[in-house]
Amino acid sequence: MDEYNIAKLMFSYQLLTSVIGAFLQIDTYDQPGVEKSKDILKESFT
């Protein structure tokens, strides 16, 4: 398997994730847990 086919495979899985997320009405690019952990970390430094 060469780089071109690996890139095609990765793109296919990324597209599949987006399509399934839209079908399930889930924002697959939202990261509320990441933002919450950033806020907690900021609070711990103050």
C-alpha atoms as a PDB file:
ATOM      1  CA  MET A   1       0.000   0.000   0.000  1.00  0.00           C
ATOM      2  CA  ASP A   2       1.498   3.323  -1.057  1.00  0.00           C
ATOM      3  CA  GLU A   3       0.981   6.867   0.219  1.00  0.00           C
ATOM      4  CA  TYR A   4      -1.757   7.637  -2.304  1.00  0.00           C
ATOM      5  CA  ASN A   5      -3.897   4.693  -1.240  1.00  0.00           C
ATOM      6  CA  ILE A   6      -3.337   5.414   2.454  1.00  0.00           C
ATOM      7  CA  ALA A   7      -4.502   9.002   1.880  1.00  0.00           C
ATOM      8  CA  LYS A   8      -7.588   7.743   0.021  1.00  0.00           C
ATOM      9  CA  LEU A   9      -8.387   5.384   2.884  1.00  0.00           C
ATOM     10  CA  MET A  10      -7.968   8.127   5.496  1.00  0.00           C
ATOM     11  CA  PHE A  11     -10.168  10.491   3.489  1.00  0.00           C
ATOM     12  CA  SER A  12     -12.829   7.807   3.144  1.00  0.00           C
ATOM     13  CA  TYR A  13     -12.957   7.264   6.910  1.00  0.00           C
ATOM     14  CA  GLN A  14     -13.071  11.021   7.576  1.00  0.00           C
ATOM     15  CA  LEU A  15     -15.922  11.411   5.111  1.00  0.00           C
ATOM     16  CA  LEU A  16     -17.722   8.422   6.614  1.00  0.00           C
ATOM     17  CA  THR A  17     -17.402   9.952  10.084  1.00  0.00           C
ATOM     18  CA  SER A  18     -18.921  13.222   8.850  1.00  0.00           C
ATOM     19  CA  VAL A  19     -21.783  11.513   7.029  1.00  0.00           C
ATOM     20  CA  ILE A  20     -22.687   9.254   9.951  1.00  0.00           C
ATOM     21  CA  GLY A  21     -22.470  12.220  12.332  1.00  0.00           C
ATOM     22  CA  ALA A  22     -24.838  14.233  10.133  1.00  0.00           C
ATOM     23  CA  PHE A  23     -27.206  11.268   9.910  1.00  0.00           C
ATOM     24  CA  LEU A  24     -27.229  10.934  13.707  1.00  0.00           C
ATOM     25  CA  GLN A  25     -27.444  14.747  14.110  1.00  0.00           C
ATOM     26  CA  ILE A  26     -24.116  14.861  15.941  1.00  0.00           C
ATOM     27  CA  ASP A  27     -21.579  17.642  15.362  1.00  0.00           C
ATOM     28  CA  THR A  28     -18.517  15.464  14.840  1.00  0.00           C
ATOM     29  CA  TYR A  29     -16.178  18.462  14.996  1.00  0.00           C
ATOM     30  CA  ASP A  30     -17.433  19.851  18.302  1.00  0.00           C
ATOM     31  CA  GLN A  31     -15.131  19.250  21.257  1.00  0.00           C
ATOM     32  CA  PRO A  32     -17.004  20.280  24.408  1.00  0.00           C
ATOM     33  CA  GLY A  33     -14.896  17.992  26.606  1.00  0.00           C
ATOM     34  CA  VAL A  34     -11.696  19.601  25.370  1.00  0.00           C
ATOM     35  CA  GLU A  35     -12.990  23.103  26.060  1.00  0.00           C
ATOM     36  CA  LYS A  36     -14.187  22.096  29.528  1.00  0.00           C
ATOM     37  CA  SER A  37     -10.795  20.594  30.385  1.00  0.00           C
ATOM     38  CA  LYS A  38      -9.069  23.780  29.177  1.00  0.00           C
ATOM     39  CA  ASP A  39     -11.304  25.853  31.440  1.00  0.00           C
ATOM     40  CA  ILE A  40     -10.566  23.581  34.410  1.00  0.00           C
ATOM     41  CA  LEU A  41      -6.828  23.821  33.732  1.00  0.00           C
ATOM     42  CA  LYS A  42      -6.984  27.624  33.482  1.00  0.00           C
ATOM     43  CA  GLU A  43      -8.853  27.803  36.787  1.00  0.00           C
ATOM     44  CA  SER A  44      -6.238  25.627  38.480  1.00  0.00           C
ATOM     45  CA  PHE A  45      -3.504  28.123  37.551  1.00  0.00           C
ATOM     46  CA  THR A  46      -5.341  31.111  39.055  1.00  0.00           C
END
